[in-house]
C-alpha cells in the first residue's frame, strides 16, 4: 500500500514536470472606440485652448497692443489706396501731356515744313513776278513762246526729280496758247546712255496735261528715272496743239 502511494506521488511529479503548462491570462477592461477618440479630442482641444491663451496673453506680456496694430494697419492701408489713386491720376495726366506734346511736336514739324515750302514758293513767285514785270514793262517780250526760270531738283522720293519753269507768250497774243510739255531726260547706267521721255511718245497724245494760257503759265512737274541711273541732262519741250510741233525748248545739265 505504501509503495503504491509513493508510486502515485512520483508519477504526479513527473507529469507536473513534463506536462503542458498553461499560460498566464491578463484580464483587461474593454473601452469603446468612441470613448477613446473622445478623450483624444478632448485632450487636443485643451492643448489648443492653452496654446491660444498663451499666444493671446504673450502680446500683453511683451507690451504689444493688438487692437492698436490693427488700427495702424487700417490707416496704412487707407493711405496706400489714396497714394495709389493719386499715382494713377498723375500717370493719366502725364500720359495726356505726353500725347499732347507729341501732337504739338508733329504740328510744329508740319508747320516748319509748310513754312519752308511757302518760303520756296514765295521766292519762286517773286522771281517769276520780277521776270514778268521786266519783260512787260520794257516791251522786250520774245515773240512767240519762251521758257524761263527753269529748275530741276531731286524730290523727296528716291530717283524722283521735280522741275519748275515759267512759259510766256510774247507778241500780239491774239489767241490763247494750247499745248503740252514733254521732258527728255538723258541718263547714264554704267557705260550706256539712254534718253527717256515723260510722257512717252504714245502717251503724249492722250488727253490731259494741256497748257492753256495767253500771257504766261507756271509749270511744276515730276519724273522718275530707273534705280541706279544717273541723270545727266534734262530738256524741256513745249509742243503746240494739235500738230505737236516744238514751239520752244530749253536744256539744263546736272
C-alpha atoms as a PDB file:
ATOM      1  CA  UNK A   1       0.000   0.000   0.000  1.00  0.00           C
ATOM      2  CA  UNK A   2       2.810   2.349   0.914  1.00  0.00           C
ATOM      3  CA  UNK A   3       4.654   1.569  -2.276  1.00  0.00           C
ATOM      4  CA  UNK A   4       1.549   2.226  -4.241  1.00  0.00           C
ATOM      5  CA  UNK A   5       1.182   5.701  -2.721  1.00  0.00           C
ATOM      6  CA  UNK A   6       4.811   6.522  -3.394  1.00  0.00           C
ATOM      7  CA  UNK A   7       4.432   5.447  -6.969  1.00  0.00           C
ATOM      8  CA  UNK A   8       1.440   7.696  -7.447  1.00  0.00           C
ATOM      9  CA  UNK A   9       3.275  10.695  -5.944  1.00  0.00           C
ATOM     10  CA  UNK A  10       6.255  10.089  -8.175  1.00  0.00           C
ATOM     11  CA  UNK A  11       4.039   9.868 -11.233  1.00  0.00           C
ATOM     12  CA  UNK A  12       2.379  13.149 -10.354  1.00  0.00           C
ATOM     13  CA  UNK A  13       5.733  14.885 -10.024  1.00  0.00           C
ATOM     14  CA  UNK A  14       6.898  13.546 -13.391  1.00  0.00           C
ATOM     15  CA  UNK A  15       3.638  14.578 -15.081  1.00  0.00           C
ATOM     16  CA  UNK A  16       3.940  18.040 -13.488  1.00  0.00           C
ATOM     17  CA  UNK A  17       7.448  18.481 -14.892  1.00  0.00           C
ATOM     18  CA  UNK A  18       6.970  17.172 -18.416  1.00  0.00           C
ATOM     19  CA  UNK A  19       3.336  18.004 -18.961  1.00  0.00           C
ATOM     20  CA  UNK A  20       1.776  21.075 -20.727  1.00  0.00           C
ATOM     21  CA  UNK A  21       1.843  24.307 -18.788  1.00  0.00           C
ATOM     22  CA  UNK A  22      -0.992  26.788 -19.076  1.00  0.00           C
ATOM     23  CA  UNK A  23      -0.140  30.452 -19.959  1.00  0.00           C
ATOM     24  CA  UNK A  24      -0.970  33.315 -17.684  1.00  0.00           C
ATOM     25  CA  UNK A  25      -4.051  35.255 -18.795  1.00  0.00           C
ATOM     26  CA  UNK A  26      -4.425  39.015 -18.088  1.00  0.00           C
ATOM     27  CA  UNK A  27      -7.942  40.366 -17.868  1.00  0.00           C
ATOM     28  CA  UNK A  28      -8.387  43.930 -19.066  1.00  0.00           C
ATOM     29  CA  UNK A  29     -11.450  46.129 -19.083  1.00  0.00           C
ATOM     30  CA  UNK A  30     -12.903  46.805 -22.614  1.00  0.00           C
ATOM     31  CA  UNK A  31     -13.187  50.540 -23.544  1.00  0.00           C
ATOM     32  CA  UNK A  32     -15.441  51.557 -26.558  1.00  0.00           C
ATOM     33  CA  UNK A  33     -13.720  53.281 -29.522  1.00  0.00           C
ATOM     34  CA  UNK A  34     -15.812  56.421 -29.340  1.00  0.00           C
ATOM     35  CA  UNK A  35     -14.705  56.960 -25.769  1.00  0.00           C
ATOM     36  CA  UNK A  36     -11.073  56.630 -26.839  1.00  0.00           C
ATOM     37  CA  UNK A  37     -11.395  59.175 -29.684  1.00  0.00           C
ATOM     38  CA  UNK A  38     -13.473  61.441 -27.485  1.00  0.00           C
ATOM     39  CA  UNK A  39     -10.724  61.504 -24.915  1.00  0.00           C
ATOM     40  CA  UNK A  40      -8.098  62.216 -27.549  1.00  0.00           C
ATOM     41  CA  UNK A  41     -10.210  65.064 -28.970  1.00  0.00           C
ATOM     42  CA  UNK A  42     -10.741  66.491 -25.519  1.00  0.00           C
ATOM     43  CA  UNK A  43      -7.007  66.488 -24.845  1.00  0.00           C
ATOM     44  CA  UNK A  44      -6.298  68.179 -28.221  1.00  0.00           C
ATOM     45  CA  UNK A  45      -8.932  70.825 -27.512  1.00  0.00           C
ATOM     46  CA  UNK A  46      -7.436  71.556 -24.122  1.00  0.00           C
ATOM     47  CA  UNK A  47      -3.968  71.796 -25.674  1.00  0.00           C
ATOM     48  CA  UNK A  48      -5.205  74.193 -28.418  1.00  0.00           C
ATOM     49  CA  UNK A  49      -7.012  76.385 -25.891  1.00  0.00           C
ATOM     50  CA  UNK A  50      -3.898  76.522 -23.751  1.00  0.00           C
ATOM     51  CA  UNK A  51      -1.780  77.477 -26.772  1.00  0.00           C
ATOM     52  CA  UNK A  52      -4.245  80.196 -27.850  1.00  0.00           C
ATOM     53  CA  UNK A  53      -4.360  81.579 -24.309  1.00  0.00           C
ATOM     54  CA  UNK A  54      -0.582  81.631 -24.212  1.00  0.00           C
ATOM     55  CA  UNK A  55      -0.308  83.426 -27.589  1.00  0.00           C
ATOM     56  CA  UNK A  56      -3.035  85.920 -26.756  1.00  0.00           C
ATOM     57  CA  UNK A  57      -1.533  86.780 -23.389  1.00  0.00           C
ATOM     58  CA  UNK A  58       2.025  86.861 -24.754  1.00  0.00           C
ATOM     59  CA  UNK A  59       1.071  90.059 -26.694  1.00  0.00           C
ATOM     60  CA  UNK A  60       0.075  91.669 -23.409  1.00  0.00           C
ATOM     61  CA  UNK A  61       3.151  90.382 -21.617  1.00  0.00           C
ATOM     62  CA  UNK A  62       5.502  91.838 -24.249  1.00  0.00           C
ATOM     63  CA  UNK A  63       3.596  95.128 -24.388  1.00  0.00           C
ATOM     64  CA  UNK A  64       2.133  94.556 -27.883  1.00  0.00           C
ATOM     65  CA  UNK A  65      -1.330  96.050 -28.397  1.00  0.00           C
ATOM     66  CA  UNK A  66      -3.198  94.025 -30.972  1.00  0.00           C
ATOM     67  CA  UNK A  67      -6.058  96.500 -31.446  1.00  0.00           C
ATOM     68  CA  UNK A  68      -3.644  99.364 -31.945  1.00  0.00           C
ATOM     69  CA  UNK A  69      -1.727  97.326 -34.529  1.00  0.00           C
ATOM     70  CA  UNK A  70      -4.969  96.601 -36.420  1.00  0.00           C
ATOM     71  CA  UNK A  71      -5.806 100.308 -36.369  1.00  0.00           C
ATOM     72  CA  UNK A  72      -2.370 101.230 -37.727  1.00  0.00           C
ATOM     73  CA  UNK A  73      -2.709  98.626 -40.465  1.00  0.00           C
ATOM     74  CA  UNK A  74      -6.090 100.090 -41.429  1.00  0.00           C
ATOM     75  CA  UNK A  75      -4.622 103.623 -41.517  1.00  0.00           C
ATOM     76  CA  UNK A  76      -1.656 102.499 -43.643  1.00  0.00           C
ATOM     77  CA  UNK A  77      -3.980 100.613 -45.995  1.00  0.00           C
ATOM     78  CA  UNK A  78      -6.120 103.733 -46.457  1.00  0.00           C
ATOM     79  CA  UNK A  79      -3.018 105.860 -47.110  1.00  0.00           C
ATOM     80  CA  UNK A  80      -1.775 103.290 -49.628  1.00  0.00           C
ATOM     81  CA  UNK A  81      -5.095 103.388 -51.505  1.00  0.00           C
ATOM     82  CA  UNK A  82      -5.019 107.196 -51.517  1.00  0.00           C
ATOM     83  CA  UNK A  83      -1.442 107.261 -52.790  1.00  0.00           C
ATOM     84  CA  UNK A  84      -2.346 104.708 -55.468  1.00  0.00           C
ATOM     85  CA  UNK A  85      -5.251 106.898 -56.601  1.00  0.00           C
ATOM     86  CA  UNK A  86      -3.002 109.950 -56.705  1.00  0.00           C
ATOM     87  CA  UNK A  87      -0.385 107.976 -58.662  1.00  0.00           C
ATOM     88  CA  UNK A  88      -2.972 106.778 -61.190  1.00  0.00           C
ATOM     89  CA  UNK A  89      -4.288 110.334 -61.608  1.00  0.00           C
ATOM     90  CA  UNK A  90      -0.800 111.790 -62.107  1.00  0.00           C
ATOM     91  CA  UNK A  91       0.093 108.968 -64.521  1.00  0.00           C
ATOM     92  CA  UNK A  92      -3.034 109.638 -66.567  1.00  0.00           C
ATOM     93  CA  UNK A  93      -2.279 113.351 -66.674  1.00  0.00           C
ATOM     94  CA  UNK A  94       1.329 112.634 -67.658  1.00  0.00           C
ATOM     95  CA  UNK A  95       0.195 110.375 -70.496  1.00  0.00           C
ATOM     96  CA  UNK A  96      -2.199 113.062 -71.688  1.00  0.00           C
ATOM     97  CA  UNK A  97       0.570 115.675 -71.577  1.00  0.00           C
ATOM     98  CA  UNK A  98       2.939 113.364 -73.463  1.00  0.00           C
ATOM     99  CA  UNK A  99       0.303 112.726 -76.135  1.00  0.00           C
ATOM    100  CA  UNK A 100      -0.404 116.435 -76.402  1.00  0.00           C
ATOM    101  CA  UNK A 101       3.336 117.147 -76.606  1.00  0.00           C
ATOM    102  CA  UNK A 102       3.723 114.609 -79.427  1.00  0.00           C
ATOM    103  CA  UNK A 103       0.829 116.215 -81.296  1.00  0.00           C
ATOM    104  CA  UNK A 104       2.335 119.667 -80.788  1.00  0.00           C
ATOM    105  CA  UNK A 105       5.768 118.465 -81.976  1.00  0.00           C
ATOM    106  CA  UNK A 106       4.189 116.883 -85.047  1.00  0.00           C
ATOM    107  CA  UNK A 107       2.228 120.074 -85.690  1.00  0.00           C
ATOM    108  CA  UNK A 108       5.379 122.174 -85.308  1.00  0.00           C
ATOM    109  CA  UNK A 109       7.291 119.891 -87.688  1.00  0.00           C
ATOM    110  CA  UNK A 110       4.472 120.082 -90.218  1.00  0.00           C
ATOM    111  CA  UNK A 111       4.270 123.841 -89.759  1.00  0.00           C
ATOM    112  CA  UNK A 112       8.033 124.188 -90.264  1.00  0.00           C
ATOM    113  CA  UNK A 113       7.776 122.048 -93.404  1.00  0.00           C
ATOM    114  CA  UNK A 114       4.909 124.134 -94.713  1.00  0.00           C
ATOM    115  CA  UNK A 115       6.784 127.316 -93.890  1.00  0.00           C
ATOM    116  CA  UNK A 116       9.790 126.086 -95.840  1.00  0.00           C
ATOM    117  CA  UNK A 117       7.595 125.198 -98.801  1.00  0.00           C
ATOM    118  CA  UNK A 118       5.835 128.561 -98.622  1.00  0.00           C
ATOM    119  CA  UNK A 119       9.153 130.372 -98.476  1.00  0.00           C
ATOM    120  CA  UNK A 120      10.363 128.458-101.529  1.00  0.00           C
ATOM    121  CA  UNK A 121       7.137 129.163-103.386  1.00  0.00           C
ATOM    122  CA  UNK A 122       7.236 132.804-102.346  1.00  0.00           C
ATOM    123  CA  UNK A 123      10.810 133.078-103.596  1.00  0.00           C
ATOM    124  CA  UNK A 124       9.839 131.460-106.900  1.00  0.00           C
ATOM    125  CA  UNK A 125       6.811 133.729-107.240  1.00  0.00           C
ATOM    126  CA  UNK A 126       8.930 136.804-106.598  1.00  0.00           C
ATOM    127  CA  UNK A 127      11.418 135.616-109.186  1.00  0.00           C
ATOM    128  CA  UNK A 128       8.671 134.945-111.733  1.00  0.00           C
ATOM    129  CA  UNK A 129       6.961 138.231-110.954  1.00  0.00           C
ATOM    130  CA  UNK A 130      10.208 140.145-111.364  1.00  0.00           C
ATOM    131  CA  UNK A 131      10.799 138.465-114.688  1.00  0.00           C
ATOM    132  CA  UNK A 132       7.283 139.228-115.891  1.00  0.00           C
ATOM    133  CA  UNK A 133       7.482 142.853-114.810  1.00  0.00           C
ATOM    134  CA  UNK A 134      10.787 143.219-116.598  1.00  0.00           C
ATOM    135  CA  UNK A 135       9.582 141.867-119.913  1.00  0.00           C
ATOM    136  CA  UNK A 136       6.153 143.510-119.709  1.00  0.00           C
ATOM    137  CA  UNK A 137       7.369 146.960-118.744  1.00  0.00           C
ATOM    138  CA  UNK A 138      10.236 147.068-121.212  1.00  0.00           C
ATOM    139  CA  UNK A 139       8.288 145.601-124.053  1.00  0.00           C
ATOM    140  CA  UNK A 140      11.096 143.118-124.683  1.00  0.00           C
ATOM    141  CA  UNK A 141       8.882 140.037-124.583  1.00  0.00           C
ATOM    142  CA  UNK A 142      10.128 137.458-127.010  1.00  0.00           C
ATOM    143  CA  UNK A 143       7.860 136.867-129.926  1.00  0.00           C
ATOM    144  CA  UNK A 144       6.160 133.500-129.534  1.00  0.00           C
ATOM    145  CA  UNK A 145       6.840 131.148-126.651  1.00  0.00           C
ATOM    146  CA  UNK A 146       9.773 131.340-124.226  1.00  0.00           C
ATOM    147  CA  UNK A 147      10.870 129.168-121.294  1.00  0.00           C
ATOM    148  CA  UNK A 148      12.446 130.929-118.322  1.00  0.00           C
ATOM    149  CA  UNK A 149      13.432 130.229-114.710  1.00  0.00           C
ATOM    150  CA  UNK A 150      13.915 126.504-115.411  1.00  0.00           C
ATOM    151  CA  UNK A 151      14.948 124.472-112.336  1.00  0.00           C
ATOM    152  CA  UNK A 152      15.403 120.711-111.952  1.00  0.00           C
ATOM    153  CA  UNK A 153      15.984 119.371-108.427  1.00  0.00           C
ATOM    154  CA  UNK A 154      15.835 115.976-106.648  1.00  0.00           C
ATOM    155  CA  UNK A 155      12.470 115.375-104.999  1.00  0.00           C
ATOM    156  CA  UNK A 156      11.617 113.659-101.731  1.00  0.00           C
ATOM    157  CA  UNK A 157      11.369 110.132-103.174  1.00  0.00           C
ATOM    158  CA  UNK A 158      14.457 108.237-104.403  1.00  0.00           C
ATOM    159  CA  UNK A 159      15.243 108.635-108.138  1.00  0.00           C
ATOM    160  CA  UNK A 160      12.476 111.215-108.470  1.00  0.00           C
ATOM    161  CA  UNK A 161      13.081 114.767-109.762  1.00  0.00           C
ATOM    162  CA  UNK A 162      10.994 117.914-109.802  1.00  0.00           C
ATOM    163  CA  UNK A 163      11.107 120.583-112.483  1.00  0.00           C
ATOM    164  CA  UNK A 164       9.732 124.134-112.394  1.00  0.00           C
ATOM    165  CA  UNK A 165       9.620 126.767-115.119  1.00  0.00           C
ATOM    166  CA  UNK A 166       7.715 129.720-116.471  1.00  0.00           C
ATOM    167  CA  UNK A 167       6.349 129.727-120.032  1.00  0.00           C
ATOM    168  CA  UNK A 168       5.491 133.117-121.562  1.00  0.00           C
ATOM    169  CA  UNK A 169       3.916 134.147-124.840  1.00  0.00           C
ATOM    170  CA  UNK A 170       5.114 137.367-126.447  1.00  0.00           C
ATOM    171  CA  UNK A 171       3.869 139.321-129.387  1.00  0.00           C
ATOM    172  CA  UNK A 172       0.308 140.353-130.070  1.00  0.00           C
ATOM    173  CA  UNK A 173      -1.201 137.402-128.156  1.00  0.00           C
ATOM    174  CA  UNK A 174      -4.403 137.324-130.170  1.00  0.00           C
ATOM    175  CA  UNK A 175      -5.167 133.745-129.147  1.00  0.00           C
ATOM    176  CA  UNK A 176      -4.560 131.599-126.113  1.00  0.00           C
ATOM    177  CA  UNK A 177      -1.785 129.086-126.483  1.00  0.00           C
ATOM    178  CA  UNK A 178      -2.747 125.422-126.214  1.00  0.00           C
ATOM    179  CA  UNK A 179      -0.081 122.760-125.984  1.00  0.00           C
ATOM    180  CA  UNK A 180       1.757 120.202-123.877  1.00  0.00           C
ATOM    181  CA  UNK A 181       5.083 119.839-122.088  1.00  0.00           C
ATOM    182  CA  UNK A 182       7.426 116.910-122.677  1.00  0.00           C
ATOM    183  CA  UNK A 183      10.564 116.184-120.634  1.00  0.00           C
ATOM    184  CA  UNK A 184      13.542 114.422-122.242  1.00  0.00           C
ATOM    185  CA  UNK A 185      15.810 113.009-119.515  1.00  0.00           C
ATOM    186  CA  UNK A 186      19.227 111.712-120.560  1.00  0.00           C
ATOM    187  CA  UNK A 187      20.557 109.192-118.072  1.00  0.00           C
ATOM    188  CA  UNK A 188      23.632 107.034-117.702  1.00  0.00           C
ATOM    189  CA  UNK A 189      23.573 103.443-116.463  1.00  0.00           C
ATOM    190  CA  UNK A 190      27.054 102.029-116.259  1.00  0.00           C
ATOM    191  CA  UNK A 191      28.673 102.762-119.634  1.00  0.00           C
ATOM    192  CA  UNK A 192      25.397 103.230-121.532  1.00  0.00           C
ATOM    193  CA  UNK A 193      23.491 106.489-122.040  1.00  0.00           C
ATOM    194  CA  UNK A 194      19.761 106.480-122.645  1.00  0.00           C
ATOM    195  CA  UNK A 195      17.109 109.131-123.309  1.00  0.00           C
ATOM    196  CA  UNK A 196      13.737 108.797-121.555  1.00  0.00           C
ATOM    197  CA  UNK A 197      10.591 110.769-122.476  1.00  0.00           C
ATOM    198  CA  UNK A 198       7.992 111.956-119.931  1.00  0.00           C
ATOM    199  CA  UNK A 199       5.345 111.386-121.102  1.00  0.00           C
ATOM    200  CA  UNK A 200       6.417 108.863-123.705  1.00  0.00           C
ATOM    201  CA  UNK A 201       5.514 109.489-127.330  1.00  0.00           C
ATOM    202  CA  UNK A 202       2.495 107.099-127.269  1.00  0.00           C
ATOM    203  CA  UNK A 203       1.144 108.698-124.068  1.00  0.00           C
ATOM    204  CA  UNK A 204       1.805 112.229-125.293  1.00  0.00           C
ATOM    205  CA  UNK A 205      -1.304 112.258-127.456  1.00  0.00           C
ATOM    206  CA  UNK A 206      -3.561 111.076-124.661  1.00  0.00           C
ATOM    207  CA  UNK A 207      -5.940 113.561-123.076  1.00  0.00           C
ATOM    208  CA  UNK A 208      -4.771 115.578-120.060  1.00  0.00           C
ATOM    209  CA  UNK A 209      -1.866 117.794-119.122  1.00  0.00           C
ATOM    210  CA  UNK A 210      -2.575 120.515-121.689  1.00  0.00           C
ATOM    211  CA  UNK A 211      -1.280 124.071-121.398  1.00  0.00           C
ATOM    212  CA  UNK A 212      -3.833 126.819-121.898  1.00  0.00           C
ATOM    213  CA  UNK A 213      -2.775 130.468-121.372  1.00  0.00           C
ATOM    214  CA  UNK A 214      -2.422 133.758-123.162  1.00  0.00           C
ATOM    215  CA  UNK A 215       0.335 135.622-121.335  1.00  0.00           C
ATOM    216  CA  UNK A 216       2.204 133.130-119.095  1.00  0.00           C
ATOM    217  CA  UNK A 217       1.804 129.912-117.153  1.00  0.00           C
ATOM    218  CA  UNK A 218       3.847 128.464-114.329  1.00  0.00           C
ATOM    219  CA  UNK A 219       4.596 124.742-114.749  1.00  0.00           C
ATOM    220  CA  UNK A 220       5.550 122.329-111.990  1.00  0.00           C
ATOM    221  CA  UNK A 221       6.017 118.606-112.588  1.00  0.00           C
ATOM    222  CA  UNK A 222       7.892 115.448-111.608  1.00  0.00           C
ATOM    223  CA  UNK A 223       9.527 112.479-113.303  1.00  0.00           C
ATOM    224  CA  UNK A 224      11.311 109.354-112.076  1.00  0.00           C
ATOM    225  CA  UNK A 225      14.348 107.598-113.524  1.00  0.00           C
ATOM    226  CA  UNK A 226      15.323 103.917-113.032  1.00  0.00           C
ATOM    227  CA  UNK A 227      17.124 102.848-109.873  1.00  0.00           C
ATOM    228  CA  UNK A 228      20.894 103.083-110.158  1.00  0.00           C
ATOM    229  CA  UNK A 229      20.748 105.525-113.088  1.00  0.00           C
ATOM    230  CA  UNK A 230      22.404 108.945-113.040  1.00  0.00           C
ATOM    231  CA  UNK A 231      20.665 111.970-114.524  1.00  0.00           C
ATOM    232  CA  UNK A 232      22.947 113.904-116.869  1.00  0.00           C
ATOM    233  CA  UNK A 233      20.749 116.313-118.831  1.00  0.00           C
ATOM    234  CA  UNK A 234      17.130 117.460-118.941  1.00  0.00           C
ATOM    235  CA  UNK A 235      15.472 119.028-121.974  1.00  0.00           C
ATOM    236  CA  UNK A 236      12.072 120.691-121.728  1.00  0.00           C
ATOM    237  CA  UNK A 237       9.944 120.899-124.850  1.00  0.00           C
ATOM    238  CA  UNK A 238       6.755 122.931-125.294  1.00  0.00           C
ATOM    239  CA  UNK A 239       4.642 121.370-128.045  1.00  0.00           C
ATOM    240  CA  UNK A 240       1.765 123.116-129.786  1.00  0.00           C
ATOM    241  CA  UNK A 241      -1.618 121.505-130.412  1.00  0.00           C
ATOM    242  CA  UNK A 242      -2.924 119.907-132.489  1.00  0.00           C
ATOM    243  CA  UNK A 243       0.231 119.334-134.560  1.00  0.00           C
ATOM    244  CA  UNK A 244       2.540 118.580-131.581  1.00  0.00           C
ATOM    245  CA  UNK A 245       5.353 120.551-133.197  1.00  0.00           C
ATOM    246  CA  UNK A 246       8.079 122.013-130.950  1.00  0.00           C
ATOM    247  CA  UNK A 247       7.322 125.680-130.153  1.00  0.00           C
ATOM    248  CA  UNK A 248      10.072 126.198-127.578  1.00  0.00           C
ATOM    249  CA  UNK A 249      12.704 124.113-125.825  1.00  0.00           C
ATOM    250  CA  UNK A 250      15.413 124.534-123.204  1.00  0.00           C
ATOM    251  CA  UNK A 251      18.075 122.238-121.716  1.00  0.00           C
ATOM    252  CA  UNK A 252      19.877 122.098-118.390  1.00  0.00           C
ATOM    253  CA  UNK A 253      22.877 119.959-117.406  1.00  0.00           C
ATOM    254  CA  UNK A 254      23.087 118.284-113.994  1.00  0.00           C
END
